Amino acid sequence: MDSECIFCKIAKGDIPAKKIYEDDHVLAFHDINPVAPTHIIVIPKKHFPTLNDVPEKELNILSKIYAAIQKVVQTTKIANKGYRTILNTNKEAGQEIFHMHFHVLGGRPLGTMG
């Protein structure tokens, strides 16, 4: 964990969050500045600044995150209507908090990207 990282502080319970899913490796919570009716942040509890920083031997965290996303979209009832998952990696892609995290967006038509 990074003592300065806001998502590490949320994972440790030092900063409150409206949690929707948690297990030993992954935490999912509502975004405080949602851009869609459903906007969930899904993080590994272990600190990886970006996807590029996940060592090959620890890439199984990605399957744990996707398993958590499957549970989150069922819980929020957006699984069948449709949702978008976004992972921004580094500044030019729009990453603002350097703790790898996925955005899960849904609850309204999201349109096409491009």
PDB file of N, CA and C in Angstrom:
ATOM      1  N   MET A   1       0.837  -1.195   0.000  1.00  0.00           N
ATOM      2  CA  MET A   1       0.000   0.000   0.000  1.00  0.00           C
ATOM      3  C   MET A   1       0.875   1.250   0.000  1.00  0.00           C
ATOM      4  N   ASP A   2       0.360   2.254  -0.636  1.00  0.00           N
ATOM      5  CA  ASP A   2       1.032   3.543  -0.702  1.00  0.00           C
ATOM      6  C   ASP A   2       0.336   4.452   0.306  1.00  0.00           C
ATOM      7  N   SER A   3       1.076   4.936   1.282  1.00  0.00           N
ATOM      8  CA  SER A   3       0.479   5.719   2.373  1.00  0.00           C
ATOM      9  C   SER A   3      -0.135   7.038   1.901  1.00  0.00           C
ATOM     10  N   GLU A   4       0.239   7.522   0.723  1.00  0.00           N
ATOM     11  CA  GLU A   4      -0.297   8.775   0.195  1.00  0.00           C
ATOM     12  C   GLU A   4      -1.459   8.570  -0.775  1.00  0.00           C
ATOM     13  N   CYS A   5      -1.702   7.347  -1.194  1.00  0.00           N
ATOM     14  CA  CYS A   5      -2.690   7.051  -2.227  1.00  0.00           C
ATOM     15  C   CYS A   5      -4.108   7.044  -1.645  1.00  0.00           C
ATOM     16  N   ILE A   6      -4.989   7.822  -2.250  1.00  0.00           N
ATOM     17  CA  ILE A   6      -6.371   7.914  -1.759  1.00  0.00           C
ATOM     18  C   ILE A   6      -7.092   6.568  -1.844  1.00  0.00           C
ATOM     19  N   PHE A   7      -6.853   5.801  -2.912  1.00  0.00           N
ATOM     20  CA  PHE A   7      -7.514   4.509  -3.036  1.00  0.00           C
ATOM     21  C   PHE A   7      -6.966   3.501  -2.031  1.00  0.00           C
ATOM     22  N   CYS A   8      -5.683   3.586  -1.698  1.00  0.00           N
ATOM     23  CA  CYS A   8      -5.130   2.729  -0.639  1.00  0.00           C
ATOM     24  C   CYS A   8      -5.780   3.082   0.704  1.00  0.00           C
ATOM     25  N   LYS A   9      -5.989   4.366   0.938  1.00  0.00           N
ATOM     26  CA  LYS A   9      -6.644   4.800   2.180  1.00  0.00           C
ATOM     27  C   LYS A   9      -8.083   4.305   2.235  1.00  0.00           C
ATOM     28  N   ILE A  10      -8.781   4.313   1.108  1.00  0.00           N
ATOM     29  CA  ILE A  10     -10.146   3.777   1.057  1.00  0.00           C
ATOM     30  C   ILE A  10     -10.120   2.277   1.312  1.00  0.00           C
ATOM     31  N   ALA A  11      -9.178   1.566   0.684  1.00  0.00           N
ATOM     32  CA  ALA A  11      -9.072   0.113   0.867  1.00  0.00           C
ATOM     33  C   ALA A  11      -8.786  -0.252   2.321  1.00  0.00           C
ATOM     34  N   LYS A  12      -7.993   0.569   3.008  1.00  0.00           N
ATOM     35  CA  LYS A  12      -7.679   0.311   4.416  1.00  0.00           C
ATOM     36  C   LYS A  12      -8.810   0.731   5.354  1.00  0.00           C
ATOM     37  N   GLY A  13      -9.759   1.505   4.850  1.00  0.00           N
ATOM     38  CA  GLY A  13     -10.847   1.981   5.690  1.00  0.00           C
ATOM     39  C   GLY A  13     -10.568   3.312   6.348  1.00  0.00           C
ATOM     40  N   ASP A  14      -9.452   3.956   5.989  1.00  0.00           N
ATOM     41  CA  ASP A  14      -9.108   5.260   6.562  1.00  0.00           C
ATOM     42  C   ASP A  14      -9.975   6.381   6.003  1.00  0.00           C
ATOM     43  N   ILE A  15     -10.474   6.201   4.787  1.00  0.00           N
ATOM     44  CA  ILE A  15     -11.381   7.161   4.154  1.00  0.00           C
ATOM     45  C   ILE A  15     -12.664   6.394   3.850  1.00  0.00           C
ATOM     46  N   PRO A  16     -13.816   6.923   4.256  1.00  0.00           N
ATOM     47  CA  PRO A  16     -15.066   6.201   3.997  1.00  0.00           C
ATOM     48  C   PRO A  16     -15.434   6.203   2.520  1.00  0.00           C
ATOM     49  N   ALA A  17     -16.108   5.147   2.118  1.00  0.00           N
ATOM     50  CA  ALA A  17     -16.614   5.024   0.751  1.00  0.00           C
ATOM     51  C   ALA A  17     -17.902   4.222   0.811  1.00  0.00           C
ATOM     52  N   LYS A  18     -18.770   4.454  -0.148  1.00  0.00           N
ATOM     53  CA  LYS A  18     -20.015   3.701  -0.245  1.00  0.00           C
ATOM     54  C   LYS A  18     -19.715   2.404  -1.007  1.00  0.00           C
ATOM     55  N   LYS A  19     -19.315   1.390  -0.244  1.00  0.00           N
ATOM     56  CA  LYS A  19     -18.886   0.122  -0.832  1.00  0.00           C
ATOM     57  C   LYS A  19     -20.070  -0.648  -1.396  1.00  0.00           C
ATOM     58  N   ILE A  20     -19.806  -1.337  -2.502  1.00  0.00           N
ATOM     59  CA  ILE A  20     -20.823  -2.189  -3.112  1.00  0.00           C
ATOM     60  C   ILE A  20     -20.349  -3.635  -3.179  1.00  0.00           C
ATOM     61  N   TYR A  21     -19.019  -3.848  -3.137  1.00  0.00           N
ATOM     62  CA  TYR A  21     -18.465  -5.204  -3.152  1.00  0.00           C
ATOM     63  C   TYR A  21     -17.079  -5.162  -2.520  1.00  0.00           C
ATOM     64  N   GLU A  22     -16.753  -6.234  -1.793  1.00  0.00           N
ATOM     65  CA  GLU A  22     -15.412  -6.341  -1.224  1.00  0.00           C
ATOM     66  C   GLU A  22     -15.090  -7.802  -0.988  1.00  0.00           C
ATOM     67  N   ASP A  23     -13.852  -8.167  -1.294  1.00  0.00           N
ATOM     68  CA  ASP A  23     -13.323  -9.471  -0.915  1.00  0.00           C
ATOM     69  C   ASP A  23     -11.886  -9.249  -0.455  1.00  0.00           C
ATOM     70  N   ASP A  24     -11.110 -10.296  -0.342  1.00  0.00           N
ATOM     71  CA  ASP A  24      -9.737 -10.162   0.156  1.00  0.00           C
ATOM     72  C   ASP A  24      -8.823  -9.377  -0.776  1.00  0.00           C
ATOM     73  N   HIS A  25      -9.160  -9.320  -2.069  1.00  0.00           N
ATOM     74  CA  HIS A  25      -8.263  -8.735  -3.062  1.00  0.00           C
ATOM     75  C   HIS A  25      -8.803  -7.503  -3.774  1.00  0.00           C
ATOM     76  N   VAL A  26     -10.120  -7.330  -3.782  1.00  0.00           N
ATOM     77  CA  VAL A  26     -10.759  -6.300  -4.607  1.00  0.00           C
ATOM     78  C   VAL A  26     -11.786  -5.527  -3.786  1.00  0.00           C
ATOM     79  N   LEU A  27     -11.918  -4.246  -4.099  1.00  0.00           N
ATOM     80  CA  LEU A  27     -12.926  -3.391  -3.483  1.00  0.00           C
ATOM     81  C   LEU A  27     -13.633  -2.621  -4.593  1.00  0.00           C
ATOM     82  N   ALA A  28     -14.960  -2.530  -4.498  1.00  0.00           N
ATOM     83  CA  ALA A  28     -15.758  -1.742  -5.443  1.00  0.00           C
ATOM     84  C   ALA A  28     -16.611  -0.769  -4.650  1.00  0.00           C
ATOM     85  N   PHE A  29     -16.654   0.477  -5.105  1.00  0.00           N
ATOM     86  CA  PHE A  29     -17.407   1.509  -4.399  1.00  0.00           C
ATOM     87  C   PHE A  29     -17.930   2.537  -5.395  1.00  0.00           C
ATOM     88  N   HIS A  30     -18.945   3.275  -4.965  1.00  0.00           N
ATOM     89  CA  HIS A  30     -19.555   4.305  -5.804  1.00  0.00           C
ATOM     90  C   HIS A  30     -18.597   5.488  -5.969  1.00  0.00           C
ATOM     91  N   ASP A  31     -18.482   5.980  -7.192  1.00  0.00           N
ATOM     92  CA  ASP A  31     -17.659   7.150  -7.480  1.00  0.00           C
ATOM     93  C   ASP A  31     -18.315   8.379  -6.847  1.00  0.00           C
ATOM     94  N   ILE A  32     -17.510   9.254  -6.269  1.00  0.00           N
ATOM     95  CA  ILE A  32     -18.082  10.450  -5.618  1.00  0.00           C
ATOM     96  C   ILE A  32     -18.464  11.528  -6.625  1.00  0.00           C
ATOM     97  N   ASN A  33     -17.983  11.414  -7.861  1.00  0.00           N
ATOM     98  CA  ASN A  33     -18.346  12.350  -8.938  1.00  0.00           C
ATOM     99  C   ASN A  33     -18.828  11.547 -10.148  1.00  0.00           C
ATOM    100  N   PRO A  34     -20.000  10.922 -10.034  1.00  0.00           N
ATOM    101  CA  PRO A  34     -20.444  10.022 -11.102  1.00  0.00           C
ATOM    102  C   PRO A  34     -20.738  10.751 -12.409  1.00  0.00           C
ATOM    103  N   VAL A  35     -20.418  10.057 -13.509  1.00  0.00           N
ATOM    104  CA  VAL A  35     -20.725  10.590 -14.843  1.00  0.00           C
ATOM    105  C   VAL A  35     -21.859   9.812 -15.494  1.00  0.00           C
ATOM    106  N   ALA A  36     -22.428   8.872 -14.762  1.00  0.00           N
ATOM    107  CA  ALA A  36     -23.576   8.084 -15.214  1.00  0.00           C
ATOM    108  C   ALA A  36     -24.374   7.701 -13.969  1.00  0.00           C
ATOM    109  N   PRO A  37     -25.641   7.328 -14.129  1.00  0.00           N
ATOM    110  CA  PRO A  37     -26.440   6.948 -12.954  1.00  0.00           C
ATOM    111  C   PRO A  37     -25.777   5.856 -12.109  1.00  0.00           C
ATOM    112  N   THR A  38     -25.129   4.898 -12.779  1.00  0.00           N
ATOM    113  CA  THR A  38     -24.311   3.915 -12.078  1.00  0.00           C
ATOM    114  C   THR A  38     -22.871   4.179 -12.463  1.00  0.00           C
ATOM    115  N   HIS A  39     -22.047   4.504 -11.480  1.00  0.00           N
ATOM    116  CA  HIS A  39     -20.621   4.748 -11.711  1.00  0.00           C
ATOM    117  C   HIS A  39     -19.879   4.164 -10.517  1.00  0.00           C
ATOM    118  N   ILE A  40     -19.293   2.994 -10.753  1.00  0.00           N
ATOM    119  CA  ILE A  40     -18.603   2.258  -9.700  1.00  0.00           C
ATOM    120  C   ILE A  40     -17.115   2.236 -10.015  1.00  0.00           C
ATOM    121  N   ILE A  41     -16.289   2.393  -8.992  1.00  0.00           N
ATOM    122  CA  ILE A  41     -14.840   2.253  -9.103  1.00  0.00           C
ATOM    123  C   ILE A  41     -14.475   0.885  -8.542  1.00  0.00           C
ATOM    124  N   VAL A  42     -13.667   0.134  -9.281  1.00  0.00           N
ATOM    125  CA  VAL A  42     -13.230  -1.186  -8.833  1.00  0.00           C
ATOM    126  C   VAL A  42     -11.706  -1.176  -8.789  1.00  0.00           C
ATOM    127  N   ILE A  43     -11.159  -1.485  -7.603  1.00  0.00           N
ATOM    128  CA  ILE A  43      -9.712  -1.419  -7.408  1.00  0.00           C
ATOM    129  C   ILE A  43      -9.179  -2.726  -6.832  1.00  0.00           C
ATOM    130  N   PRO A  44      -7.910  -3.031  -7.141  1.00  0.00           N
ATOM    131  CA  PRO A  44      -7.252  -4.070  -6.370  1.00  0.00           C
ATOM    132  C   PRO A  44      -6.864  -3.448  -5.023  1.00  0.00           C
ATOM    133  N   LYS A  45      -6.912  -4.220  -3.958  1.00  0.00           N
ATOM    134  CA  LYS A  45      -6.506  -3.666  -2.667  1.00  0.00           C
ATOM    135  C   LYS A  45      -4.998  -3.421  -2.622  1.00  0.00           C
ATOM    136  N   LYS A  46      -4.251  -4.224  -3.374  1.00  0.00           N
ATOM    137  CA  LYS A  46      -2.808  -4.022  -3.463  1.00  0.00           C
ATOM    138  C   LYS A  46      -2.544  -2.864  -4.415  1.00  0.00           C
ATOM    139  N   HIS A  47      -1.576  -2.049  -4.084  1.00  0.00           N
ATOM    140  CA  HIS A  47      -1.272  -0.862  -4.874  1.00  0.00           C
ATOM    141  C   HIS A  47      -0.448  -1.204  -6.114  1.00  0.00           C
ATOM    142  N   PHE A  48      -1.025  -0.926  -7.269  1.00  0.00           N
ATOM    143  CA  PHE A  48      -0.323  -0.940  -8.551  1.00  0.00           C
ATOM    144  C   PHE A  48      -0.641   0.407  -9.181  1.00  0.00           C
ATOM    145  N   PRO A  49       0.333   1.268  -9.438  1.00  0.00           N
ATOM    146  CA  PRO A  49       0.035   2.586  -9.993  1.00  0.00           C
ATOM    147  C   PRO A  49      -0.738   2.527 -11.314  1.00  0.00           C
ATOM    148  N   THR A  50      -0.345   1.630 -12.219  1.00  0.00           N
ATOM    149  CA  THR A  50      -1.015   1.491 -13.511  1.00  0.00           C
ATOM    150  C   THR A  50      -1.030   0.017 -13.896  1.00  0.00           C
ATOM    151  N   LEU A  51      -1.744  -0.291 -14.962  1.00  0.00           N
ATOM    152  CA  LEU A  51      -1.736  -1.644 -15.500  1.00  0.00           C
ATOM    153  C   LEU A  51      -0.314  -2.065 -15.859  1.00  0.00           C
ATOM    154  N   ASN A  52       0.488  -1.118 -16.335  1.00  0.00           N
ATOM    155  CA  ASN A  52       1.872  -1.409 -16.704  1.00  0.00           C
ATOM    156  C   ASN A  52       2.716  -1.883 -15.529  1.00  0.00           C
ATOM    157  N   ASP A  53       2.273  -1.601 -14.313  1.00  0.00           N
ATOM    158  CA  ASP A  53       3.049  -1.918 -13.118  1.00  0.00           C
ATOM    159  C   ASP A  53       2.665  -3.240 -12.454  1.00  0.00           C
ATOM    160  N   VAL A  54       1.724  -3.966 -13.044  1.00  0.00           N
ATOM    161  CA  VAL A  54       1.333  -5.255 -12.479  1.00  0.00           C
ATOM    162  C   VAL A  54       2.330  -6.303 -12.984  1.00  0.00           C
ATOM    163  N   PRO A  55       3.103  -6.906 -12.079  1.00  0.00           N
ATOM    164  CA  PRO A  55       4.062  -7.919 -12.521  1.00  0.00           C
ATOM    165  C   PRO A  55       3.340  -9.114 -13.141  1.00  0.00           C
ATOM    166  N   GLU A  56       3.991  -9.760 -14.092  1.00  0.00           N
ATOM    167  CA  GLU A  56       3.376 -10.895 -14.783  1.00  0.00           C
ATOM    168  C   GLU A  56       2.887 -11.949 -13.798  1.00  0.00           C
ATOM    169  N   LYS A  57       3.628 -12.189 -12.744  1.00  0.00           N
ATOM    170  CA  LYS A  57       3.235 -13.217 -11.773  1.00  0.00           C
ATOM    171  C   LYS A  57       2.000 -12.824 -10.957  1.00  0.00           C
ATOM    172  N   GLU A  58       1.583 -11.562 -11.046  1.00  0.00           N
ATOM    173  CA  GLU A  58       0.410 -11.094 -10.309  1.00  0.00           C
ATOM    174  C   GLU A  58      -0.753 -10.688 -11.216  1.00  0.00           C
ATOM    175  N   LEU A  59      -0.679 -11.032 -12.490  1.00  0.00           N
ATOM    176  CA  LEU A  59      -1.747 -10.664 -13.422  1.00  0.00           C
ATOM    177  C   LEU A  59      -3.083 -11.323 -13.096  1.00  0.00           C
ATOM    178  N   ASN A  60      -3.077 -12.341 -12.230  1.00  0.00           N
ATOM    179  CA  ASN A  60      -4.347 -12.958 -11.828  1.00  0.00           C
ATOM    180  C   ASN A  60      -5.255 -11.966 -11.109  1.00  0.00           C
ATOM    181  N   ILE A  61      -4.711 -10.835 -10.664  1.00  0.00           N
ATOM    182  CA  ILE A  61      -5.557  -9.815 -10.036  1.00  0.00           C
ATOM    183  C   ILE A  61      -6.588  -9.303 -11.033  1.00  0.00           C
ATOM    184  N   LEU A  62      -6.248  -9.331 -12.321  1.00  0.00           N
ATOM    185  CA  LEU A  62      -7.196  -8.851 -13.332  1.00  0.00           C
ATOM    186  C   LEU A  62      -8.419  -9.757 -13.407  1.00  0.00           C
ATOM    187  N   SER A  63      -8.246 -11.057 -13.300  1.00  0.00           N
ATOM    188  CA  SER A  63      -9.411 -11.952 -13.313  1.00  0.00           C
ATOM    189  C   SER A  63     -10.246 -11.755 -12.058  1.00  0.00           C
ATOM    190  N   LYS A  64      -9.607 -11.443 -10.945  1.00  0.00           N
ATOM    191  CA  LYS A  64     -10.350 -11.173  -9.710  1.00  0.00           C
ATOM    192  C   LYS A  64     -11.151  -9.880  -9.834  1.00  0.00           C
ATOM    193  N   ILE A  65     -10.576  -8.895 -10.489  1.00  0.00           N
ATOM    194  CA  ILE A  65     -11.289  -7.637 -10.716  1.00  0.00           C
ATOM    195  C   ILE A  65     -12.486  -7.863 -11.631  1.00  0.00           C
ATOM    196  N   TYR A  66     -12.282  -8.613 -12.721  1.00  0.00           N
ATOM    197  CA  TYR A  66     -13.396  -8.864 -13.633  1.00  0.00           C
ATOM    198  C   TYR A  66     -14.485  -9.711 -12.980  1.00  0.00           C
ATOM    199  N   ALA A  67     -14.108 -10.627 -12.109  1.00  0.00           N
ATOM    200  CA  ALA A  67     -15.124 -11.392 -11.364  1.00  0.00           C
ATOM    201  C   ALA A  67     -15.921 -10.459 -10.460  1.00  0.00           C
ATOM    202  N   ALA A  68     -15.247  -9.505  -9.844  1.00  0.00           N
ATOM    203  CA  ALA A  68     -15.935  -8.518  -9.004  1.00  0.00           C
ATOM    204  C   ALA A  68     -16.864  -7.643  -9.850  1.00  0.00           C
ATOM    205  N   ILE A  69     -16.411  -7.246 -11.034  1.00  0.00           N
ATOM    206  CA  ILE A  69     -17.253  -6.439 -11.920  1.00  0.00           C
ATOM    207  C   ILE A  69     -18.519  -7.209 -12.290  1.00  0.00           C
ATOM    208  N   GLN A  70     -18.401  -8.501 -12.568  1.00  0.00           N
ATOM    209  CA  GLN A  70     -19.592  -9.304 -12.876  1.00  0.00           C
ATOM    210  C   GLN A  70     -20.582  -9.271 -11.717  1.00  0.00           C
ATOM    211  N   LYS A  71     -20.103  -9.319 -10.496  1.00  0.00           N
ATOM    212  CA  LYS A  71     -20.989  -9.271  -9.328  1.00  0.00           C
ATOM    213  C   LYS A  71     -21.601  -7.883  -9.173  1.00  0.00           C
ATOM    214  N   VAL A  72     -20.795  -6.851  -9.389  1.00  0.00           N
ATOM    215  CA  VAL A  72     -21.267  -5.476  -9.250  1.00  0.00           C
ATOM    216  C   VAL A  72     -22.380  -5.169 -10.252  1.00  0.00           C
ATOM    217  N   VAL A  73     -22.210  -5.585 -11.507  1.00  0.00           N
ATOM    218  CA  VAL A  73     -23.234  -5.259 -12.506  1.00  0.00           C
ATOM    219  C   VAL A  73     -24.523  -6.032 -12.259  1.00  0.00           C
ATOM    220  N   GLN A  74     -24.428  -7.198 -11.646  1.00  0.00           N
ATOM    221  CA  GLN A  74     -25.640  -7.922 -11.246  1.00  0.00           C
ATOM    222  C   GLN A  74     -26.321  -7.188 -10.091  1.00  0.00           C
ATOM    223  N   THR A  75     -25.542  -6.792  -9.103  1.00  0.00           N
ATOM    224  CA  THR A  75     -26.077  -6.089  -7.932  1.00  0.00           C
ATOM    225  C   THR A  75     -26.752  -4.780  -8.320  1.00  0.00           C
ATOM    226  N   THR A  76     -26.150  -4.054  -9.256  1.00  0.00           N
ATOM    227  CA  THR A  76     -26.694  -2.749  -9.665  1.00  0.00           C
ATOM    228  C   THR A  76     -27.726  -2.858 -10.785  1.00  0.00           C
ATOM    229  N   LYS A  77     -27.983  -4.082 -11.228  1.00  0.00           N
ATOM    230  CA  LYS A  77     -29.008  -4.362 -12.236  1.00  0.00           C
ATOM    231  C   LYS A  77     -28.739  -3.713 -13.598  1.00  0.00           C
ATOM    232  N   ILE A  78     -27.450  -3.598 -13.944  1.00  0.00           N
ATOM    233  CA  ILE A  78     -27.111  -3.069 -15.272  1.00  0.00           C
ATOM    234  C   ILE A  78     -26.528  -4.149 -16.190  1.00  0.00           C
ATOM    235  N   ALA A  79     -26.391  -5.373 -15.687  1.00  0.00           N
ATOM    236  CA  ALA A  79     -25.745  -6.440 -16.460  1.00  0.00           C
ATOM    237  C   ALA A  79     -26.430  -6.665 -17.800  1.00  0.00           C
ATOM    238  N   ASN A  80     -27.732  -6.749 -17.815  1.00  0.00           N
ATOM    239  CA  ASN A  80     -28.454  -7.057 -19.050  1.00  0.00           C
ATOM    240  C   ASN A  80     -28.749  -5.833 -19.900  1.00  0.00           C
ATOM    241  N   LYS A  81     -28.845  -4.671 -19.283  1.00  0.00           N
ATOM    242  CA  LYS A  81     -29.122  -3.442 -20.039  1.00  0.00           C
ATOM    243  C   LYS A  81     -27.881  -2.966 -20.791  1.00  0.00           C
ATOM    244  N   GLY A  82     -26.738  -3.138 -20.169  1.00  0.00           N
ATOM    245  CA  GLY A  82     -25.476  -2.721 -20.781  1.00  0.00           C
ATOM    246  C   GLY A  82     -24.676  -1.829 -19.861  1.00  0.00           C
ATOM    247  N   TYR A  83     -23.383  -1.940 -19.985  1.00  0.00           N
ATOM    248  CA  TYR A  83     -22.469  -1.145 -19.159  1.00  0.00           C
ATOM    249  C   TYR A  83     -21.134  -1.040 -19.879  1.00  0.00           C
ATOM    250  N   ARG A  84     -20.336  -0.105 -19.423  1.00  0.00           N
ATOM    251  CA  ARG A  84     -19.003   0.112 -19.987  1.00  0.00           C
ATOM    252  C   ARG A  84     -17.986  -0.018 -18.856  1.00  0.00           C
ATOM    253  N   THR A  85     -16.880  -0.702 -19.143  1.00  0.00           N
ATOM    254  CA  THR A  85     -15.757  -0.728 -18.208  1.00  0.00           C
ATOM    255  C   THR A  85     -14.609   0.047 -18.844  1.00  0.00           C
ATOM    256  N   ILE A  86     -13.982   0.871 -18.037  1.00  0.00           N
ATOM    257  CA  ILE A  86     -12.900   1.725 -18.534  1.00  0.00           C
ATOM    258  C   ILE A  86     -11.712   1.597 -17.595  1.00  0.00           C
ATOM    259  N   LEU A  87     -10.540   1.389 -18.179  1.00  0.00           N
ATOM    260  CA  LEU A  87      -9.283   1.406 -17.440  1.00  0.00           C
ATOM    261  C   LEU A  87      -8.383   2.418 -18.136  1.00  0.00           C
ATOM    262  N   ASN A  88      -8.174   3.560 -17.512  1.00  0.00           N
ATOM    263  CA  ASN A  88      -7.274   4.574 -18.055  1.00  0.00           C
ATOM    264  C   ASN A  88      -5.867   4.281 -17.542  1.00  0.00           C
ATOM    265  N   THR A  89      -4.898   4.292 -18.447  1.00  0.00           N
ATOM    266  CA  THR A  89      -3.524   4.014 -18.053  1.00  0.00           C
ATOM    267  C   THR A  89      -2.632   5.184 -18.441  1.00  0.00           C
ATOM    268  N   ASN A  90      -2.161   5.857 -17.440  1.00  0.00           N
ATOM    269  CA  ASN A  90      -1.276   7.021 -17.531  1.00  0.00           C
ATOM    270  C   ASN A  90      -2.022   8.293 -17.929  1.00  0.00           C
ATOM    271  N   LYS A  91      -1.305   9.376 -17.808  1.00  0.00           N
ATOM    272  CA  LYS A  91      -1.893  10.716 -17.895  1.00  0.00           C
ATOM    273  C   LYS A  91      -2.605  11.014 -19.215  1.00  0.00           C
ATOM    274  N   GLU A  92      -2.000  10.681 -20.348  1.00  0.00           N
ATOM    275  CA  GLU A  92      -2.613  11.004 -21.641  1.00  0.00           C
ATOM    276  C   GLU A  92      -3.916  10.243 -21.861  1.00  0.00           C
ATOM    277  N   ALA A  93      -4.107   9.146 -21.147  1.00  0.00           N
ATOM    278  CA  ALA A  93      -5.354   8.382 -21.263  1.00  0.00           C
ATOM    279  C   ALA A  93      -6.403   8.891 -20.279  1.00  0.00           C
ATOM    280  N   GLY A  94      -6.017   9.826 -19.423  1.00  0.00           N
ATOM    281  CA  GLY A  94      -6.968  10.400 -18.484  1.00  0.00           C
ATOM    282  C   GLY A  94      -6.859   9.869 -17.062  1.00  0.00           C
ATOM    283  N   GLN A  95      -5.842   9.064 -16.774  1.00  0.00           N
ATOM    284  CA  GLN A  95      -5.695   8.567 -15.403  1.00  0.00           C
ATOM    285  C   GLN A  95      -5.320   9.723 -14.495  1.00  0.00           C
ATOM    286  N   GLU A  96      -6.102   9.908 -13.429  1.00  0.00           N
ATOM    287  CA  GLU A  96      -5.862  10.987 -12.476  1.00  0.00           C
ATOM    288  C   GLU A  96      -5.336  10.467 -11.149  1.00  0.00           C
ATOM    289  N   ILE A  97      -5.792   9.296 -10.740  1.00  0.00           N
ATOM    290  CA  ILE A  97      -5.327   8.687  -9.495  1.00  0.00           C
ATOM    291  C   ILE A  97      -4.475   7.491  -9.888  1.00  0.00           C
ATOM    292  N   PHE A  98      -3.228   7.500  -9.443  1.00  0.00           N
ATOM    293  CA  PHE A  98      -2.300   6.468  -9.865  1.00  0.00           C
ATOM    294  C   PHE A  98      -2.311   5.277  -8.908  1.00  0.00           C
ATOM    295  N   HIS A  99      -3.472   4.646  -8.913  1.00  0.00           N
ATOM    296  CA  HIS A  99      -3.733   3.332  -8.323  1.00  0.00           C
ATOM    297  C   HIS A  99      -4.658   2.703  -9.352  1.00  0.00           C
ATOM    298  N   MET A 100      -4.198   1.646 -10.005  1.00  0.00           N
ATOM    299  CA  MET A 100      -4.990   1.050 -11.082  1.00  0.00           C
ATOM    300  C   MET A 100      -6.438   0.895 -10.635  1.00  0.00           C
ATOM    301  N   HIS A 101      -7.356   1.353 -11.468  1.00  0.00           N
ATOM    302  CA  HIS A 101      -8.772   1.251 -11.136  1.00  0.00           C
ATOM    303  C   HIS A 101      -9.608   1.213 -12.403  1.00  0.00           C
ATOM    304  N   PHE A 102     -10.707   0.514 -12.297  1.00  0.00           N
ATOM    305  CA  PHE A 102     -11.653   0.389 -13.392  1.00  0.00           C
ATOM    306  C   PHE A 102     -12.896   1.204 -13.061  1.00  0.00           C
ATOM    307  N   HIS A 103     -13.437   1.878 -14.052  1.00  0.00           N
ATOM    308  CA  HIS A 103     -14.720   2.552 -13.940  1.00  0.00           C
ATOM    309  C   HIS A 103     -15.758   1.630 -14.563  1.00  0.00           C
ATOM    310  N   VAL A 104     -16.867   1.437 -13.882  1.00  0.00           N
ATOM    311  CA  VAL A 104     -17.994   0.685 -14.428  1.00  0.00           C
ATOM    312  C   VAL A 104     -19.140   1.681 -14.537  1.00  0.00           C
ATOM    313  N   LEU A 105     -19.579   1.929 -15.772  1.00  0.00           N
ATOM    314  CA  LEU A 105     -20.600   2.939 -16.043  1.00  0.00           C
ATOM    315  C   LEU A 105     -21.839   2.287 -16.648  1.00  0.00           C
ATOM    316  N   GLY A 106     -23.012   2.725 -16.215  1.00  0.00           N
ATOM    317  CA  GLY A 106     -24.249   2.237 -16.787  1.00  0.00           C
ATOM    318  C   GLY A 106     -25.432   3.007 -16.257  1.00  0.00           C
ATOM    319  N   GLY A 107     -26.610   2.501 -16.571  1.00  0.00           N
ATOM    320  CA  GLY A 107     -27.829   3.139 -16.087  1.00  0.00           C
ATOM    321  C   GLY A 107     -28.434   4.141 -17.049  1.00  0.00           C
ATOM    322  N   ARG A 108     -27.801   4.330 -18.200  1.00  0.00           N
ATOM    323  CA  ARG A 108     -28.319   5.198 -19.258  1.00  0.00           C
ATOM    324  C   ARG A 108     -27.603   4.827 -20.539  1.00  0.00           C
ATOM    325  N   PRO A 109     -28.165   5.198 -21.710  1.00  0.00           N
ATOM    326  CA  PRO A 109     -27.432   4.950 -22.956  1.00  0.00           C
ATOM    327  C   PRO A 109     -26.108   5.712 -22.933  1.00  0.00           C
ATOM    328  N   LEU A 110     -25.043   5.029 -23.271  1.00  0.00           N
ATOM    329  CA  LEU A 110     -23.719   5.631 -23.216  1.00  0.00           C
ATOM    330  C   LEU A 110     -23.199   6.046 -24.583  1.00  0.00           C
ATOM    331  N   GLY A 111     -23.883   5.640 -25.641  1.00  0.00           N
ATOM    332  CA  GLY A 111     -23.442   6.011 -26.978  1.00  0.00           C
ATOM    333  C   GLY A 111     -22.192   5.258 -27.391  1.00  0.00           C
ATOM    334  N   THR A 112     -21.685   5.639 -28.555  1.00  0.00           N
ATOM    335  CA  THR A 112     -20.495   4.991 -29.061  1.00  0.00           C
ATOM    336  C   THR A 112     -19.282   5.847 -28.737  1.00  0.00           C
ATOM    337  N   MET A 113     -18.137   5.222 -28.735  1.00  0.00           N
ATOM    338  CA  MET A 113     -16.892   5.951 -28.475  1.00  0.00           C
ATOM    339  C   MET A 113     -16.198   6.194 -29.815  1.00  0.00           C
ATOM    340  N   GLY A 114     -15.562   7.345 -29.907  1.00  0.00           N
ATOM    341  CA  GLY A 114     -14.789   7.581 -31.125  1.00  0.00           C
ATOM    342  C   GLY A 114     -15.035   8.888 -31.752  1.00  0.00           C
TER     343      GLY A 114
END
